[in-house]
């Protein structure tokens, strides 16, 4: 007796995606190897090899997208036969249990959890690489890792941490929580939402592939023309960035449309939670920034594979062009990471102080001010590049001006806490940690915006310590607090209180020890990105390494907390924090379409301690 064959849409998953990706890459590699002509004697080094590598990696990407099912709906639409209601429900993962997390699933809650898992994987790999770096710097002579491999590890650690930090708040919580918080049933474009996640998974393979064919020898910034002279592994970096940039652009357009068009009735911008303002500002920065990043890497790939000269000075190109394109993304990217994390903590501060957010309007102006000024400060990274000195003063001014809206957010948090009835939870303690780390990162950044001081600190470990305080000290603190705060809504269980406190103190103490030690050696003159150093820096590096291993241990405690709490945690009430935003009004687990009846909003979500609180 024959059984009916499953439709193609039901047979595709992450395993078929990897199969077809590998198949397409192998076939393309063999064809390119056979039919691409050999280079002439005067051709640039690696030209043929670069062509083969890039063709294979692009084929991997196409095969993966086919194998996961991302191309079915577009092809059906072109053919004039869109998906049926039953097929859309299948895409949404209805009644599929755990299998939906391994498929091209359009439910924003599934995508949010997928983002949470991939973020933890990225941080795990990048954290292991960080421990390898610190182990090599355990003694002045280094020697544990080959210098070329060490450079590749440093570059891979950097780009993985940047990517992980970009998605660590907007990925999990911008997907899972944000639509519910604004009273929407899903994202505006559910299929694009799923696409944004699976693009990140697809991007990982070229980066890993690149580690076996030379690695990343340029650091995470991949400056040209050095990148054009690097081994074949640089092609993995180029593909990784191009695919990730596509993911970010897709996600940004989707989030923006969702918030603008799908807010609940009565949710004016003045009644929209501050977290939403932060997420929108973050993606508003990403939408113009990441196309330039994408373009910079496309041109880099063309220089390598096609012999163009966008960045090669000998052919009329300019390395300055790459620096401009890179930092046009690179500095707004700092705030793409920072703003949603800070906004999440501003969301929690009223809940755990039982006071309204101190000056909601000032908070919004501060977020908008940071977003606006961040696109005008990129060139302070180029003070020492040899460009026209007359350009230094304007960018020094804009860089220093950004401290004003940043200070506004700082004061909003202080004003909210002031004389509040503080509920001592781990997320609330994270607000205090943010204020401390944010202050250190901001104050130390002022010196880098000043040309004479930057001339001293440029290229030193001082710079590394500064941006870790800004990105990780503030950004990661907000991301971890968000995990504990929204964990009951995502899982229906409370995050283990003891493990959250232990993990918090280990991470924060380890973090401050690590980067205070790094500030010390940086001020003493130790350069960054070195595998060996002078004996005079040994004590500071030992302190830094000890702190780094404490951070890693603390992150493992949080991982244990996630696993334990998800399986065995206390059942969470619908609103354990007594918050006033809409996501806490839906039951656990959250229904497929979030709301039976779309909600209406009649007040702002920060009426704690006011007459409106009981309304």
Protein backbone atom coordinates (compact mmCIF):
# COMPACT_ATOMS: atom_id res chain seq x y z
CA UNK A 1 0.00 0.00 0.00
CA UNK A 2 1.52 3.29 -1.11
CA UNK A 3 1.61 6.29 1.14
CA UNK A 4 1.14 9.81 -0.06
CA UNK A 5 4.44 11.64 -0.50
CA UNK A 6 4.85 14.73 1.70
CA UNK A 7 4.87 18.08 -0.09
CA UNK A 8 8.31 19.66 -0.52
CA UNK A 9 7.52 22.36 2.02
CA UNK A 10 7.14 19.71 4.73
CA UNK A 11 10.36 17.86 3.89
CA UNK A 12 12.79 20.77 4.22
CA UNK A 13 14.60 21.57 7.45
CA UNK A 14 18.02 22.57 8.76
CA UNK A 15 19.47 19.17 7.84
CA UNK A 16 18.34 19.39 4.21
CA UNK A 17 19.66 22.96 4.19
CA UNK A 18 23.16 21.84 5.15
CA UNK A 19 22.96 18.96 2.65
CA UNK A 20 21.98 21.10 -0.33
CA UNK A 21 24.40 23.86 0.71
CA UNK A 22 27.28 21.37 0.75
CA UNK A 23 26.10 19.79 -2.53
CA UNK A 24 25.84 23.11 -4.36
CA UNK A 25 29.24 24.21 -3.02
CA UNK A 26 30.94 20.95 -4.04
CA UNK A 27 29.48 20.93 -7.56
CA UNK A 28 30.40 24.58 -8.10
CA UNK A 29 33.91 23.97 -6.79
CA UNK A 30 34.45 21.06 -9.17
CA UNK A 31 33.07 22.98 -12.16
CA UNK A 32 35.13 26.08 -11.37
CA UNK A 33 38.24 23.99 -10.83
CA UNK A 34 37.73 22.35 -14.20
CA UNK A 35 36.69 25.26 -16.40
CA UNK A 36 38.18 28.45 -14.95
CA UNK A 37 41.33 29.34 -16.88
CA UNK A 38 44.69 29.49 -15.19
CA UNK A 39 46.09 32.89 -14.27
CA UNK A 40 48.61 34.60 -16.49
CA UNK A 41 52.05 35.28 -15.11
CA UNK A 42 51.29 38.93 -14.31
CA UNK A 43 47.90 38.23 -12.71
CA UNK A 44 47.42 39.20 -9.05
CA UNK A 45 48.19 36.52 -6.50
CA UNK A 46 45.35 34.13 -5.64
CA UNK A 47 43.08 35.46 -8.43
CA UNK A 48 41.95 32.03 -9.68
CA UNK A 49 41.83 30.57 -6.21
CA UNK A 50 39.77 33.52 -4.98
CA UNK A 51 37.32 33.11 -7.85
CA UNK A 52 36.88 29.42 -7.06
CA UNK A 53 36.48 30.07 -3.34
CA UNK A 54 33.95 32.86 -3.75
CA UNK A 55 31.92 30.93 -6.34
CA UNK A 56 31.81 27.93 -3.99
CA UNK A 57 30.76 30.04 -1.01
CA UNK A 58 28.03 31.82 -2.99
CA UNK A 59 26.78 28.41 -4.17
CA UNK A 60 26.75 27.23 -0.55
CA UNK A 61 24.52 30.15 0.35
CA UNK A 62 22.07 29.50 -2.51
CA UNK A 63 21.93 25.78 -1.73
CA UNK A 64 21.33 26.44 1.97
CA UNK A 65 18.47 28.86 1.24
CA UNK A 66 16.89 26.30 -1.08
CA UNK A 67 17.34 23.51 1.44
CA UNK A 68 15.77 25.42 4.32
CA UNK A 69 12.72 26.37 2.24
CA UNK A 70 13.30 30.12 2.00
CA UNK A 71 12.86 30.12 -1.79
CA UNK A 72 9.56 28.24 -1.96
CA UNK A 73 7.24 31.16 -1.23
CA UNK A 74 9.01 33.60 -3.64
CA UNK A 75 8.94 31.03 -6.46
CA UNK A 76 5.28 30.26 -5.79
CA UNK A 77 4.48 33.98 -5.83
CA UNK A 78 6.30 34.48 -9.15
CA UNK A 79 4.35 31.55 -10.56
CA UNK A 80 1.12 33.25 -9.49
CA UNK A 81 0.20 30.63 -6.90
CA UNK A 82 0.84 31.89 -3.39
CA UNK A 83 0.83 29.66 -0.33
CA UNK A 84 -2.50 28.38 0.96
CA UNK A 85 -3.76 29.03 4.49
CA UNK A 86 -2.78 25.49 5.50
CA UNK A 87 0.73 25.97 4.11
CA UNK A 88 1.08 29.29 5.94
CA UNK A 89 0.02 27.58 9.17
CA UNK A 90 2.65 24.94 8.50
CA UNK A 91 5.22 27.69 8.00
CA UNK A 92 4.09 29.19 11.31
CA UNK A 93 4.88 25.88 13.03
CA UNK A 94 1.34 25.18 14.24
CA UNK A 95 1.11 21.92 16.24
CA UNK A 96 4.71 20.99 15.33
CA UNK A 97 6.31 21.06 18.77
CA UNK A 98 10.13 21.13 18.86
CA UNK A 99 10.44 20.44 15.12
CA UNK A 100 9.46 24.03 14.34
CA UNK A 101 12.76 25.31 15.77
CA UNK A 102 14.67 23.38 13.07
CA UNK A 103 12.58 24.68 10.17
CA UNK A 104 11.90 27.89 8.29
CA UNK A 105 9.26 28.95 10.79
CA UNK A 106 7.53 32.33 10.54
CA UNK A 107 6.10 32.64 14.07
CA UNK A 108 7.93 35.56 15.65
CA UNK A 109 8.15 33.74 18.99
CA UNK A 110 9.95 30.78 17.39
CA UNK A 111 12.30 33.17 15.58
CA UNK A 112 13.00 34.94 18.88
CA UNK A 113 14.03 31.69 20.57
CA UNK A 114 16.12 30.73 17.52
CA UNK A 115 17.91 34.07 17.83
CA UNK A 116 18.45 33.45 21.55
CA UNK A 117 20.08 30.08 20.88
CA UNK A 118 22.29 31.33 18.04
CA UNK A 119 23.37 34.30 20.17
CA UNK A 120 24.47 31.96 22.96
CA UNK A 121 26.33 29.77 20.43
CA UNK A 122 28.13 32.80 18.95
CA UNK A 123 29.12 34.11 22.37
CA UNK A 124 30.23 30.63 23.38
CA UNK A 125 32.57 30.26 20.40
CA UNK A 126 33.84 33.84 20.69
CA UNK A 127 34.35 33.33 24.44
CA UNK A 128 36.47 30.22 23.84
CA UNK A 129 38.60 32.20 21.37
CA UNK A 130 38.96 34.97 24.00
CA UNK A 131 40.23 32.41 26.51
CA UNK A 132 42.77 31.20 23.94
CA UNK A 133 43.93 34.80 23.44
CA UNK A 134 44.29 35.40 27.18
CA UNK A 135 46.07 32.07 27.67
CA UNK A 136 48.62 33.06 25.01
CA UNK A 137 49.10 36.41 26.77
CA UNK A 138 49.72 34.68 30.09
CA UNK A 139 53.45 35.25 29.67
CA UNK A 140 55.43 37.97 27.83
CA UNK A 141 56.91 35.58 25.29
CA UNK A 142 53.56 34.01 24.39
CA UNK A 143 54.25 30.89 22.37
CA UNK A 144 51.15 28.80 23.05
CA UNK A 145 49.69 29.72 19.66
CA UNK A 146 51.43 30.21 16.32
CA UNK A 147 51.55 33.98 15.54
CA UNK A 148 49.63 33.61 12.25
CA UNK A 149 46.97 31.48 13.95
CA UNK A 150 46.89 33.97 16.82
CA UNK A 151 46.11 36.83 14.42
CA UNK A 152 43.30 34.80 12.89
CA UNK A 153 41.89 33.98 16.33
CA UNK A 154 41.94 37.66 17.33
CA UNK A 155 40.14 38.66 14.11
CA UNK A 156 37.56 35.88 14.36
CA UNK A 157 36.90 36.63 18.04
CA UNK A 158 36.36 40.28 17.18
CA UNK A 159 33.91 39.83 14.33
CA UNK A 160 31.96 37.09 16.15
CA UNK A 161 31.59 39.24 19.26
CA UNK A 162 30.45 42.22 17.16
CA UNK A 163 27.84 40.14 15.34
CA UNK A 164 26.69 38.47 18.57
CA UNK A 165 26.41 41.86 20.29
CA UNK A 166 24.41 43.36 17.40
CA UNK A 167 21.73 40.66 17.65
CA UNK A 168 21.82 39.92 21.40
CA UNK A 169 18.88 42.21 22.28
CA UNK A 170 17.03 42.98 19.04
CA UNK A 171 17.29 39.36 17.90
CA UNK A 172 15.70 37.45 20.81
CA UNK A 173 13.63 40.17 22.46
CA UNK A 174 12.97 42.36 19.44
CA UNK A 175 11.41 39.30 17.85
CA UNK A 176 9.72 37.51 20.76
CA UNK A 177 8.66 40.42 22.98
CA UNK A 178 8.35 43.46 20.72
CA UNK A 179 5.26 42.41 18.66
CA UNK A 180 3.40 41.43 21.83
CA UNK A 181 4.49 44.64 23.58
CA UNK A 182 2.92 46.76 20.83
CA UNK A 183 -0.23 44.62 20.65
CA UNK A 184 0.44 42.94 17.27
CA UNK A 185 -0.31 39.35 16.29
CA UNK A 186 3.00 38.90 14.44
CA UNK A 187 5.66 40.80 12.56
CA UNK A 188 4.65 42.74 9.46
CA UNK A 189 6.57 40.32 7.21
CA UNK A 190 6.78 36.91 8.92
CA UNK A 191 8.65 35.21 6.06
CA UNK A 192 11.29 37.93 5.99
CA UNK A 193 11.57 37.55 9.75
CA UNK A 194 12.47 33.88 9.37
CA UNK A 195 14.81 34.79 6.53
CA UNK A 196 16.76 37.22 8.73
CA UNK A 197 17.56 34.40 11.16
CA UNK A 198 18.50 31.70 8.67
CA UNK A 199 20.78 34.11 6.83
CA UNK A 200 22.89 34.28 10.00
CA UNK A 201 23.09 30.48 10.16
CA UNK A 202 24.05 30.34 6.48
CA UNK A 203 26.75 32.98 7.03
CA UNK A 204 28.50 30.91 9.70
CA UNK A 205 29.78 28.22 7.33
CA UNK A 206 31.91 30.50 5.08
CA UNK A 207 33.51 32.02 8.18
CA UNK A 208 34.34 28.58 9.62
CA UNK A 209 35.45 27.41 6.17
CA UNK A 210 37.82 30.36 5.99
CA UNK A 211 39.62 29.27 9.15
CA UNK A 212 40.95 26.20 7.30
CA UNK A 213 42.26 28.10 4.28
CA UNK A 214 44.32 30.80 5.92
CA UNK A 215 41.99 32.42 8.47
CA UNK A 216 41.52 36.16 9.10
CA UNK A 217 44.93 37.79 9.33
CA UNK A 218 43.75 41.40 9.33
CA UNK A 219 41.84 41.80 12.59
CA UNK A 220 38.08 42.19 12.62
CA UNK A 221 38.16 45.46 10.66
CA UNK A 222 39.80 43.79 7.61
CA UNK A 223 41.52 46.95 6.38
CA UNK A 224 42.50 47.17 2.74
CA UNK A 225 44.80 46.84 0.87
CA UNK A 226 46.02 44.34 3.51
CA UNK A 227 42.82 42.32 3.11
CA UNK A 228 43.53 42.04 -0.62
CA UNK A 229 46.91 40.50 0.15
CA UNK A 230 45.61 38.04 2.76
CA UNK A 231 45.15 34.27 2.37
CA UNK A 232 42.03 32.65 0.94
CA UNK A 233 40.39 32.64 4.38
CA UNK A 234 39.62 36.33 3.91
CA UNK A 235 36.95 35.27 1.40
CA UNK A 236 35.11 33.58 4.27
CA UNK A 237 35.10 36.87 6.15
CA UNK A 238 33.79 38.72 3.08
CA UNK A 239 30.93 36.26 2.56
CA UNK A 240 30.12 36.23 6.27
CA UNK A 241 29.81 40.01 6.41
CA UNK A 242 27.82 40.26 3.16
CA UNK A 243 25.25 37.68 4.30
CA UNK A 244 25.04 39.14 7.81
CA UNK A 245 24.54 42.63 6.36
CA UNK A 246 21.64 41.27 4.28
CA UNK A 247 20.15 39.73 7.44
CA UNK A 248 20.42 43.01 9.32
CA UNK A 249 18.84 45.04 6.52
CA UNK A 250 15.94 42.59 6.21
CA UNK A 251 15.36 42.56 9.98
CA UNK A 252 15.61 46.35 10.20
CA UNK A 253 13.00 46.96 7.51
CA UNK A 254 10.69 44.38 9.10
CA UNK A 255 10.96 45.77 12.64
CA UNK A 256 10.46 49.35 11.48
CA UNK A 257 7.35 48.49 9.46
CA UNK A 258 5.92 46.43 12.31
CA UNK A 259 6.25 49.21 14.88
CA UNK A 260 5.06 51.99 12.57
CA UNK A 261 2.04 50.16 11.14
CA UNK A 262 0.94 47.56 13.70
CA UNK A 263 0.86 49.26 17.13
CA UNK A 264 -2.30 48.68 19.14
CA UNK A 265 -5.17 51.13 18.88
CA UNK A 266 -4.47 54.06 21.17
CA UNK A 267 -0.71 53.37 21.38
CA UNK A 268 0.57 56.76 20.30
CA UNK A 269 4.30 57.36 20.23
CA UNK A 270 4.02 58.93 23.70
CA UNK A 271 2.43 55.70 24.97
CA UNK A 272 4.86 53.39 23.21
CA UNK A 273 7.24 51.69 25.70
CA UNK A 274 10.76 53.07 25.76
CA UNK A 275 12.16 49.67 24.75
CA UNK A 276 10.33 49.99 21.44
CA UNK A 277 11.81 53.44 20.88
CA UNK A 278 15.26 51.95 21.49
CA UNK A 279 14.73 49.07 19.06
CA UNK A 280 13.39 51.39 16.33
CA UNK A 281 16.32 53.80 16.77
CA UNK A 282 18.74 50.88 16.60
CA UNK A 283 17.38 49.50 13.32
CA UNK A 284 17.02 53.03 11.93
CA UNK A 285 20.80 53.30 12.34
CA UNK A 286 21.39 49.85 10.86
CA UNK A 287 19.33 50.44 7.70
CA UNK A 288 21.73 53.04 6.17
CA UNK A 289 24.89 51.75 7.89
CA UNK A 290 24.93 48.12 6.83
CA UNK A 291 24.47 48.69 3.08
CA UNK A 292 27.76 50.61 3.16
CA UNK A 293 29.35 47.71 5.05
CA UNK A 294 27.95 45.32 2.46
CA UNK A 295 29.30 47.48 -0.35
CA UNK A 296 32.75 47.69 1.24
CA UNK A 297 33.02 43.90 1.30
CA UNK A 298 31.66 43.42 -2.22
CA UNK A 299 34.36 45.79 -3.49
CA UNK A 300 36.97 43.94 -1.40
CA UNK A 301 35.90 40.64 -2.95
CA UNK A 302 36.06 42.18 -6.44
CA UNK A 303 39.59 43.42 -5.79
CA UNK A 304 40.60 39.92 -4.77
CA UNK A 305 38.79 37.85 -7.38
CA UNK A 306 38.38 40.11 -10.41
CA UNK A 307 41.50 42.25 -10.24
CA UNK A 308 39.69 45.57 -9.71
CA UNK A 309 41.45 48.37 -7.86
CA UNK A 310 38.95 50.00 -5.54
CA UNK A 311 41.42 49.86 -2.65
CA UNK A 312 44.74 49.19 -4.35
CA UNK A 313 46.78 52.44 -4.54
CA UNK A 314 48.98 51.02 -7.32
CA UNK A 315 45.91 50.77 -9.53
CA UNK A 316 44.47 54.17 -8.63
CA UNK A 317 42.42 52.99 -5.63
CA UNK A 318 42.57 54.14 -2.03
CA UNK A 319 42.71 52.40 1.32
CA UNK A 320 41.05 55.51 2.75
CA UNK A 321 37.92 54.61 0.77
CA UNK A 322 37.67 51.33 2.68
CA UNK A 323 38.24 53.08 6.02
CA UNK A 324 35.42 55.53 5.30
CA UNK A 325 33.00 52.83 4.17
CA UNK A 326 33.89 50.60 7.11
CA UNK A 327 33.56 53.25 9.82
CA UNK A 328 30.40 54.68 8.30
CA UNK A 329 29.03 51.40 9.61
CA UNK A 330 31.53 50.77 12.37
CA UNK A 331 30.68 53.62 14.70
CA UNK A 332 26.88 53.65 14.27
CA UNK A 333 27.18 49.91 14.92
CA UNK A 334 28.32 50.77 18.47
CA UNK A 335 24.95 52.38 19.10
CA UNK A 336 23.06 49.68 17.21
CA UNK A 337 24.35 47.47 20.03
CA UNK A 338 24.07 49.95 22.88
CA UNK A 339 20.71 51.68 22.42
CA UNK A 340 18.36 48.65 22.67
CA UNK A 341 20.26 47.31 25.71
CA UNK A 342 20.04 50.64 27.52
CA UNK A 343 16.38 51.02 26.50
CA UNK A 344 15.63 47.56 27.90
CA UNK A 345 17.11 48.57 31.27
CA UNK A 346 15.12 51.82 31.16
CA UNK A 347 12.07 49.61 30.65
CA UNK A 348 12.90 47.66 33.82
CA UNK A 349 13.89 50.58 36.06
CA UNK A 350 10.29 51.85 36.63
CA UNK A 351 9.10 48.28 37.32
CA UNK A 352 11.65 47.68 40.05
CA UNK A 353 11.49 51.14 41.61
CA UNK A 354 7.67 51.44 41.36
CA UNK A 355 8.13 54.93 39.97
CA UNK A 356 7.31 56.38 36.53
CA UNK A 357 10.19 56.68 34.08
CA UNK A 358 11.82 59.99 34.91
CA UNK A 359 11.04 62.25 31.94
CA UNK A 360 9.96 59.90 29.18
CA UNK A 361 10.41 62.70 26.65
CA UNK A 362 14.02 63.32 27.69
CA UNK A 363 14.70 59.59 27.27
CA UNK A 364 13.26 59.64 23.74
CA UNK A 365 15.22 62.80 22.86
CA UNK A 366 18.39 61.18 24.23
CA UNK A 367 17.89 58.05 22.11
CA UNK A 368 17.14 60.14 19.01
CA UNK A 369 20.11 62.41 19.71
CA UNK A 370 22.52 59.48 19.99
CA UNK A 371 21.15 57.95 16.79
CA UNK A 372 21.40 61.23 14.90
CA UNK A 373 24.89 62.22 16.04
CA UNK A 374 26.32 58.71 15.69
CA UNK A 375 26.40 59.03 11.88
CA UNK A 376 28.59 62.15 12.17
CA UNK A 377 31.43 60.78 14.29
CA UNK A 378 32.94 57.93 12.25
CA UNK A 379 36.04 59.80 11.19
CA UNK A 380 37.57 60.04 14.68
CA UNK A 381 38.83 56.53 13.89
CA UNK A 382 40.95 58.12 11.16
CA UNK A 383 42.81 60.82 13.10
CA UNK A 384 46.08 58.89 12.73
CA UNK A 385 45.48 57.74 9.14
CA UNK A 386 47.33 60.61 7.51
CA UNK A 387 44.28 62.33 6.05
CA UNK A 388 43.76 66.12 5.91
CA UNK A 389 44.35 67.52 9.44
CA UNK A 390 41.69 70.21 8.89
CA UNK A 391 39.06 67.47 9.12
CA UNK A 392 40.05 66.54 12.67
CA UNK A 393 38.41 69.49 14.46
CA UNK A 394 34.83 69.03 13.12
CA UNK A 395 34.80 65.35 13.95
CA UNK A 396 36.31 65.98 17.37
CA UNK A 397 33.40 68.35 18.02
CA UNK A 398 30.67 65.94 16.87
CA UNK A 399 32.24 63.08 18.84
CA UNK A 400 32.30 65.13 22.02
CA UNK A 401 28.74 66.40 21.43
CA UNK A 402 27.39 62.83 21.54
CA UNK A 403 28.13 62.81 25.27
CA UNK A 404 25.14 65.18 25.73
CA UNK A 405 22.33 62.78 24.67
CA UNK A 406 24.26 59.94 26.29
CA UNK A 407 24.28 61.90 29.54
CA UNK A 408 20.53 62.47 29.17
CA UNK A 409 19.89 58.72 29.28
CA UNK A 410 22.21 58.42 32.26
CA UNK A 411 20.27 61.12 34.14
CA UNK A 412 16.90 59.55 33.25
CA UNK A 413 17.99 56.32 34.92
CA UNK A 414 19.37 58.15 37.96
CA UNK A 415 16.16 60.19 38.24
CA UNK A 416 14.03 57.05 38.04
CA UNK A 417 16.00 55.34 40.80
CA UNK A 418 16.17 58.42 43.03
CA UNK A 419 13.97 57.93 46.13
CA UNK A 420 12.30 54.94 44.48
CA UNK A 421 11.16 51.84 46.35
CA UNK A 422 13.89 49.61 44.95
CA UNK A 423 13.03 45.94 44.46
CA UNK A 424 16.44 44.24 44.64
CA UNK A 425 16.27 41.83 41.72
CA UNK A 426 19.07 40.84 39.39
CA UNK A 427 17.65 42.99 36.53
CA UNK A 428 17.47 45.98 38.89
CA UNK A 429 21.05 45.45 40.00
CA UNK A 430 21.97 45.41 36.32
CA UNK A 431 20.69 48.99 36.07
CA UNK A 432 23.28 50.02 38.68
CA UNK A 433 25.95 48.02 36.84
CA UNK A 434 25.02 49.77 33.60
CA UNK A 435 25.44 53.19 35.21
CA UNK A 436 28.92 52.27 36.45
CA UNK A 437 30.14 50.61 33.25
CA UNK A 438 28.51 53.23 31.03
CA UNK A 439 30.21 55.99 33.02
CA UNK A 440 33.66 54.37 32.70
CA UNK A 441 33.17 53.73 28.99
CA UNK A 442 31.92 57.26 28.35
CA UNK A 443 34.60 59.09 30.34
CA UNK A 444 37.44 57.09 28.78
CA UNK A 445 35.94 57.65 25.33
CA UNK A 446 36.23 61.44 25.69
CA UNK A 447 40.03 61.14 25.51
CA UNK A 448 39.83 59.17 22.26
CA UNK A 449 37.70 61.89 20.69
CA UNK A 450 40.45 64.45 21.43
CA UNK A 451 43.13 64.48 18.73
CA UNK A 452 46.22 65.01 20.97
CA UNK A 453 45.12 62.30 23.43
CA UNK A 454 44.18 59.93 20.62
CA UNK A 455 47.68 60.31 19.21
CA UNK A 456 48.93 58.73 22.44
CA UNK A 457 46.26 56.06 22.96
CA UNK A 458 45.61 55.06 19.34
CA UNK A 459 46.40 51.42 18.68
CA UNK A 460 46.92 50.62 22.37
CA UNK A 461 45.13 48.28 24.76
CA UNK A 462 43.49 51.40 26.19
CA UNK A 463 41.25 51.48 23.10
CA UNK A 464 40.36 47.81 23.53
CA UNK A 465 39.41 48.37 27.17
CA UNK A 466 37.30 51.42 26.28
CA UNK A 467 35.12 49.76 23.67
CA UNK A 468 34.66 46.65 25.81
CA UNK A 469 33.35 48.86 28.62
CA UNK A 470 30.96 50.51 26.18
CA UNK A 471 29.78 47.52 24.17
CA UNK A 472 29.99 44.68 26.66
CA UNK A 473 29.89 46.48 30.00
CA UNK A 474 26.71 48.29 29.00
CA UNK A 475 25.35 46.20 26.11
CA UNK A 476 25.90 42.71 27.52
CA UNK A 477 24.69 43.83 30.95
CA UNK A 478 21.41 44.91 29.38
CA UNK A 479 21.11 41.72 27.33
CA UNK A 480 21.57 39.42 30.33
CA UNK A 481 19.12 41.46 32.40
CA UNK A 482 16.62 41.22 29.52
CA UNK A 483 17.00 37.46 29.50
CA UNK A 484 16.19 37.18 33.22
CA UNK A 485 13.39 39.79 33.04
CA UNK A 486 11.52 38.31 30.06
CA UNK A 487 12.43 34.67 30.77
CA UNK A 488 9.05 34.03 32.49
CA UNK A 489 7.17 35.23 29.41
CA UNK A 490 9.31 33.28 26.97
CA UNK A 491 9.41 29.99 28.89
CA UNK A 492 6.58 30.17 31.44
CA UNK A 493 9.15 29.62 34.23
CA UNK A 494 11.12 31.88 36.54
CA UNK A 495 14.88 32.17 36.05
CA UNK A 496 16.69 30.55 38.98
CA UNK A 497 17.29 33.42 41.41
CA UNK A 498 20.46 32.02 42.99
CA UNK A 499 22.14 31.28 39.66
CA UNK A 500 21.20 34.70 38.28
CA UNK A 501 22.82 36.44 41.25
CA UNK A 502 25.96 34.27 41.19
CA UNK A 503 26.35 34.74 37.43
CA UNK A 504 25.77 38.49 37.71
CA UNK A 505 28.46 39.08 40.33
CA UNK A 506 30.99 36.82 38.60
CA UNK A 507 30.51 38.56 35.25
CA UNK A 508 30.56 42.10 36.66
CA UNK A 509 33.54 41.58 38.99
CA UNK A 510 35.46 39.66 36.33
CA UNK A 511 34.61 42.30 33.75
CA UNK A 512 35.90 45.22 35.82
CA UNK A 513 39.07 43.35 36.82
CA UNK A 514 39.74 42.39 33.20
CA UNK A 515 39.40 45.78 31.63
CA UNK A 516 40.82 47.86 34.47
CA UNK A 517 43.93 45.71 34.00
CA UNK A 518 43.73 46.37 30.27
CA UNK A 519 43.42 50.13 30.88
CA UNK A 520 46.56 49.95 33.03
CA UNK A 521 48.73 48.27 30.37
CA UNK A 522 47.24 50.49 27.67
CA UNK A 523 48.11 53.65 29.59
CA UNK A 524 51.62 52.23 30.05
CA UNK A 525 51.95 51.85 26.29
CA UNK A 526 51.16 48.23 25.38
CA UNK A 527 49.91 47.97 21.78
CA UNK A 528 46.83 45.92 20.91
CA UNK A 529 46.72 42.82 18.71
CA UNK A 530 50.13 41.50 19.79
CA UNK A 531 51.04 37.93 20.73
CA UNK A 532 54.13 38.94 22.74
CA UNK A 533 54.81 41.94 24.96
CA UNK A 534 57.45 43.56 27.13
CA UNK A 535 58.06 42.20 30.63
CA UNK A 536 56.89 45.52 32.15
CA UNK A 537 53.30 44.70 31.08
CA UNK A 538 53.27 41.21 32.58
CA UNK A 539 51.50 41.99 35.88
CA UNK A 540 48.70 43.91 34.13
CA UNK A 541 48.19 41.11 31.61
CA UNK A 542 48.04 38.49 34.36
CA UNK A 543 45.32 40.52 36.11
CA UNK A 544 43.46 40.89 32.80
CA UNK A 545 43.64 37.16 32.07
CA UNK A 546 42.44 36.22 35.56
CA UNK A 547 39.44 38.51 35.21
CA UNK A 548 38.65 37.13 31.75
CA UNK A 549 38.45 33.57 33.06
CA UNK A 550 36.09 34.75 35.83
CA UNK A 551 33.84 36.30 33.14
CA UNK A 552 33.80 33.01 31.26
CA UNK A 553 32.90 31.12 34.43
CA UNK A 554 30.09 33.58 35.12
CA UNK A 555 28.69 33.16 31.61
CA UNK A 556 28.73 29.38 32.11
CA UNK A 557 26.70 29.91 35.29
CA UNK A 558 24.13 31.87 33.27
CA UNK A 559 24.06 29.08 30.66
CA UNK A 560 23.44 26.55 33.44
CA UNK A 561 20.71 28.85 34.74
CA UNK A 562 19.00 28.96 31.34
CA UNK A 563 19.05 25.16 30.95
CA UNK A 564 18.02 24.40 34.54
CA UNK A 565 15.32 27.06 34.72
CA UNK A 566 13.83 26.15 31.34
CA UNK A 567 13.45 22.52 32.42
CA UNK A 568 12.89 22.72 36.18
CA UNK A 569 12.24 26.35 37.03
CA UNK A 570 9.33 27.52 39.17
CA UNK A 571 6.13 27.99 37.19
CA UNK A 572 5.76 31.71 36.50
CA UNK A 573 2.57 33.68 37.05
CA UNK A 574 1.32 35.67 34.09
CA UNK A 575 2.88 38.91 35.41
CA UNK A 576 5.52 38.09 38.05
CA UNK A 577 7.03 41.62 38.06
CA UNK A 578 3.67 43.48 38.17
CA UNK A 579 4.69 45.40 35.06
CA UNK A 580 2.25 47.44 32.99
CA UNK A 581 3.28 46.73 29.41
CA UNK A 582 1.02 44.62 27.19
CA UNK A 583 3.21 41.52 26.90
CA UNK A 584 2.42 40.68 30.53
CA UNK A 585 -1.33 40.51 29.82
CA UNK A 586 -1.13 37.42 27.57
CA UNK A 587 -1.10 33.92 29.07
CA UNK A 588 1.83 31.50 29.34
CA UNK A 589 2.54 29.91 26.92
CA UNK A 590 1.77 32.72 24.49
CA UNK A 591 -0.89 31.66 21.90
CA UNK A 592 0.08 31.33 18.24
CA UNK A 593 -1.49 34.68 17.28
CA UNK A 594 -0.79 36.32 20.68
CA UNK A 595 -4.24 37.90 21.19
CA UNK A 596 -7.79 36.65 20.69
CA UNK A 597 -8.88 40.29 20.53
CA UNK A 598 -6.39 43.02 19.74
CA UNK A 599 -5.85 45.25 22.78
CA UNK A 600 -6.53 48.96 23.12
CA UNK A 601 -4.18 51.31 24.99
CA UNK A 602 -5.55 54.13 27.14
CA UNK A 603 -2.47 55.25 29.08
CA UNK A 604 1.31 55.14 29.16
CA UNK A 605 2.98 52.05 30.71
CA UNK A 606 4.77 53.93 33.51
CA UNK A 607 1.99 54.98 35.88
CA UNK A 608 3.66 53.46 38.96
CA UNK A 609 2.92 55.45 42.11
CA UNK A 610 0.41 57.75 40.41
CA UNK A 611 -3.35 58.05 40.57
CA UNK A 612 -3.59 56.28 37.23
CA UNK A 613 -1.87 53.17 38.58
CA UNK A 614 -5.04 51.59 39.82
CA UNK A 615 -7.04 52.49 36.68
